[in-house]
Protein backbone atom coordinates (compact mmCIF):
# COMPACT_ATOMS: atom_id res chain seq x y z
CA MET A 1 165.69 77.87 138.53
CA ILE A 2 161.73 78.44 136.80
CA LYS A 3 162.33 74.84 135.34
CA TYR A 4 163.19 73.66 139.01
CA ILE A 5 160.17 74.91 140.33
CA ILE A 6 157.52 74.15 137.65
CA ILE A 7 159.14 70.25 137.96
CA LEU A 8 158.66 70.65 142.06
CA VAL A 9 154.95 71.80 141.65
CA ILE A 10 154.30 68.72 138.86
CA THR A 11 155.51 66.47 141.18
CA PHE A 12 154.00 67.98 144.39
CA SER A 13 150.35 67.85 142.19
CA LEU A 14 151.24 63.95 141.49
CA GLY A 15 151.98 63.27 144.61
CA VAL A 16 148.37 65.16 146.01
CA THR A 17 146.66 63.07 143.49
CA ASN A 18 147.46 59.57 144.04
CA LEU A 19 146.68 60.19 147.77
CA PHE A 20 143.06 60.18 146.24
CA GLY A 21 141.02 57.09 145.59
CA GLN A 22 143.69 55.29 147.97
CA GLN A 23 142.84 54.60 151.54
CA ASN A 24 145.02 56.12 154.18
CA LEU A 25 145.55 55.82 157.81
CA ASP A 26 145.28 59.36 159.99
CA THR A 27 144.56 60.16 163.29
CA PHE A 28 142.34 62.50 165.94
CA ASN A 29 143.34 62.95 169.81
CA TYR A 30 140.96 61.84 172.19
CA ASN A 31 141.59 61.84 176.14
CA GLY A 32 145.46 62.38 175.48
CA LYS A 33 145.42 59.38 172.96
CA SER A 34 145.98 59.07 169.42
CA LEU A 35 143.40 56.80 167.61
CA ASN A 36 143.69 55.39 164.01
CA TYR A 37 140.93 55.76 161.41
CA THR A 38 141.07 54.78 158.03
CA ILE A 39 140.02 57.25 155.17
CA LEU A 40 139.38 57.08 151.48
CA LEU A 41 138.92 60.31 149.89
CA PRO A 42 137.28 60.99 146.22
CA LEU A 43 139.34 60.94 143.40
CA ASP A 44 138.59 64.52 142.51
CA PHE A 45 139.05 65.79 146.08
CA ASP A 46 138.83 69.42 146.60
CA SER A 47 139.18 70.77 150.06
CA THR A 48 136.77 74.18 149.51
CA LYS A 49 134.09 71.19 148.59
CA THR A 50 131.36 69.64 150.90
CA TYR A 51 131.15 65.74 150.71
CA PRO A 52 128.76 63.57 151.90
CA VAL A 53 130.50 61.27 154.78
CA MET A 54 129.98 57.77 155.80
CA VAL A 55 131.35 55.94 158.48
CA GLY A 56 131.38 52.28 158.35
CA PRO A 57 132.76 49.51 161.17
CA SER A 58 136.50 48.66 160.52
CA ASP A 59 139.42 48.05 162.77
CA THR A 60 142.32 50.45 162.50
CA ILE A 61 145.49 48.73 162.51
CA SER A 62 146.56 49.39 159.42
CA ALA A 63 145.39 51.33 156.08
CA SER A 64 144.32 48.14 154.48
CA ASP A 65 141.53 47.35 157.20
CA GLN A 66 138.58 48.72 155.21
CA SER A 67 135.12 48.81 155.61
CA PHE A 68 133.38 45.76 154.70
CA TYR A 69 131.27 47.05 152.00
CA TRP A 70 133.75 49.44 150.14
CA ARG A 71 136.49 46.88 150.73
CA GLY A 72 138.96 47.60 147.67
CA THR A 73 137.15 50.10 145.77
CA LYS A 74 139.46 53.00 144.78
CA ASP A 75 136.37 55.09 143.86
CA SER A 76 134.16 56.56 146.39
CA GLN A 77 131.94 57.84 143.97
CA GLY A 78 132.10 61.43 145.29
CA TRP A 79 132.08 60.44 149.02
CA ILE A 80 134.33 60.34 152.16
CA LEU A 81 134.94 57.05 153.72
CA ILE A 82 135.90 56.65 157.00
CA GLY A 83 136.38 53.27 159.17
CA TYR A 84 136.55 53.70 162.82
CA LYS A 85 135.57 50.91 165.85
CA ILE A 86 131.98 51.77 165.92
CA TYR A 87 130.56 48.77 166.46
CA ASN A 88 129.72 47.61 170.35
CA ALA A 89 130.64 51.44 170.80
CA THR A 90 127.56 52.88 172.75
CA GLY A 91 129.93 52.82 175.93
CA SER A 92 132.29 55.33 173.66
CA ILE A 93 129.91 57.90 173.06
CA ASP A 94 132.56 60.64 173.86
CA GLU A 95 135.18 59.09 171.81
CA ILE A 96 132.76 58.41 168.88
CA LYS A 97 131.96 62.23 169.06
CA ALA A 98 135.50 63.23 169.52
CA LEU A 99 136.15 61.41 165.96
CA LEU A 100 133.37 63.27 164.23
CA ASN A 101 133.76 66.51 165.59
CA HIS A 102 137.54 66.06 164.39
CA LEU A 103 136.04 64.96 161.07
CA LYS A 104 133.86 68.23 160.96
CA SER A 105 136.77 70.40 161.80
CA LYS A 106 139.01 68.72 159.01
CA TYR A 107 136.53 68.53 156.16
CA LYS A 108 133.44 70.31 154.98
CA VAL A 109 130.46 67.43 155.98
CA GLU A 110 127.79 67.34 153.90
CA GLY A 111 124.41 68.69 156.19
CA ASP A 112 126.96 68.79 159.16
CA LYS A 113 125.57 64.91 159.86
CA PHE A 114 126.97 61.72 159.27
CA HIS A 115 125.83 58.48 157.18
CA THR A 116 127.16 54.63 158.46
CA VAL A 117 126.59 51.47 157.47
CA CYS A 118 125.92 48.20 159.81
CA PHE A 119 125.39 44.47 158.77
CA SER A 120 124.82 41.00 160.35
CA ALA A 121 126.02 40.74 164.10
CA ASN A 122 127.17 44.09 164.36
CA SER A 123 124.13 45.97 163.24
CA ALA A 124 122.22 46.06 166.65
CA SER A 125 124.84 47.76 168.09
CA ILE A 126 125.67 50.60 165.67
CA PHE A 127 121.75 51.04 165.26
CA ASP A 128 121.87 51.68 169.02
CA LEU A 129 124.89 54.27 168.52
CA VAL A 130 123.12 56.09 166.13
CA MET A 131 119.85 56.34 168.64
CA GLU A 132 122.31 57.47 171.39
CA MET A 133 123.57 60.61 169.20
CA PRO A 134 120.85 61.03 166.22
CA GLU A 135 122.01 64.64 165.80
CA TYR A 136 124.96 63.46 164.18
CA PHE A 137 123.19 61.19 162.02
CA ALA A 138 121.90 61.75 158.54
CA GLY A 139 121.37 57.83 157.12
CA ILE A 140 121.89 54.60 158.21
CA THR A 141 121.92 51.47 155.75
CA GLY A 142 121.55 48.00 156.93
CA MET A 143 123.52 45.10 154.48
CA ALA A 144 121.55 43.01 156.20
CA GLY A 145 121.42 44.57 159.56
CA ASN A 146 118.40 45.89 161.96
CA PRO A 147 117.88 47.38 165.14
CA SER A 148 116.96 45.54 168.25
CA ALA A 149 112.95 46.07 168.87
CA ASN A 150 113.15 45.26 172.38
CA ASN A 151 112.93 49.05 173.52
CA LYS A 152 110.26 50.61 171.16
CA GLU A 153 110.57 53.88 172.87
CA LYS A 154 114.57 53.87 171.89
CA LEU A 155 113.61 53.48 168.57
CA LYS A 156 111.71 56.91 168.28
CA GLN A 157 115.46 58.70 168.59
CA LEU A 158 115.74 57.31 164.65
CA LYS A 159 113.21 60.17 163.95
CA GLY A 160 115.30 62.39 161.94
CA VAL A 161 117.50 59.64 160.54
CA LYS A 162 116.96 57.78 157.19
CA VAL A 163 116.94 54.43 157.31
CA GLN A 164 116.96 51.74 154.88
CA PHE A 165 117.63 47.99 155.03
CA VAL A 166 118.84 45.66 151.91
CA VAL A 167 118.35 42.14 152.48
CA GLY A 168 118.68 39.01 150.13
CA ASP A 169 115.58 37.04 149.78
CA LYS A 170 117.41 33.91 150.35
CA ASP A 171 118.94 35.31 153.53
CA ASN A 172 115.50 34.24 155.43
CA TYR A 173 116.17 34.93 159.09
CA TRP A 174 117.52 38.73 158.05
CA MET A 175 114.90 39.23 155.53
CA GLY A 176 111.89 38.54 158.04
CA SER A 177 113.96 40.90 160.56
CA ALA A 178 114.24 43.47 158.23
CA LYS A 179 110.80 43.53 157.05
CA ARG A 180 109.25 43.61 160.79
CA SER A 181 111.95 46.52 161.55
CA HIS A 182 111.21 48.45 158.22
CA GLN A 183 107.01 48.37 159.48
CA LEU A 184 107.81 49.06 162.95
CA LEU A 185 109.92 52.16 162.04
CA LEU A 186 107.24 53.47 159.92
CA ASP A 187 104.51 53.10 162.40
CA MET A 188 106.44 55.34 164.41
CA GLY A 189 106.68 57.87 161.64
CA VAL A 190 110.88 57.11 161.11
CA GLU A 191 111.49 57.38 157.35
CA SER A 192 112.45 53.71 156.29
CA THR A 193 112.79 51.79 153.02
CA ILE A 194 113.83 48.28 152.22
CA GLU A 195 114.96 46.49 149.30
CA ILE A 196 115.13 42.69 148.92
CA ILE A 197 118.14 41.84 146.63
CA LYS A 198 116.72 38.73 144.14
CA ASN A 199 118.82 35.97 144.92
CA GLY A 200 120.77 37.50 147.45
CA GLN A 201 122.38 35.91 150.37
CA HIS A 202 123.50 37.18 153.58
CA VAL A 203 126.88 38.40 152.48
CA MET A 204 125.99 40.29 149.42
CA LYS A 205 129.36 40.47 147.79
CA PRO A 206 128.19 41.46 144.28
CA LEU A 207 127.03 45.09 146.36
CA ILE A 208 130.50 45.93 147.67
CA GLY A 209 132.24 48.85 146.29
CA LYS A 210 130.00 50.43 143.67
CA GLY A 211 126.29 48.83 144.30
CA PHE A 212 127.03 49.64 148.06
CA LEU A 213 127.77 53.38 147.18
CA ASP A 214 124.53 54.03 144.92
CA ARG A 215 122.53 52.81 147.65
CA ALA A 216 123.65 55.10 150.12
CA GLU A 217 123.07 57.76 147.75
CA ARG A 218 119.47 57.24 147.80
CA LEU A 219 119.80 58.76 151.64
CA ARG A 220 121.11 61.91 150.64
CA LYS A 221 117.86 62.88 148.57
């Protein structure tokens, strides 16, 4: 009987361990509907510990719908990585808040705030989302991605949110936009940094996974 119990405990432990480093599909409730999001937990996840949480743009039809800049990674480098439809979400603020509040209720979120990432065509809308609810966000990374500069008063909502731009030097249009956005935010008193990647293209595939997560880590400091 004792041997049987020990085997059960070991089997259960191995099963739980195998979930970490593997992206899964989970759900939250909003207005009576069950909505999907994807989640990748740290390899050594401990529910009693606090973790930085990154929410990135992703379709969430299946567990394989990873956000682009951590696609294929198994090691989240200590982050909880969440994929959700946050692009064009400024008309769905209450839905996004429901997701983030759900995550807060389920995990110990570092600083009680989230990080996010945007790139290319989805970037302006994700910056808009952060400006609509800056109290929920600690940082945003554009790879390459920029806010719209049409409403400078609205950009002031980014005060208190750390912003970083990462762009390739061969990506002329986006590099110019990133430089202008970076300087504009600095002039407004928003904490902003910019990194220009040598020989970097618009889609910076070499930064998927560790390269991106190393940069996201800067905004925790």
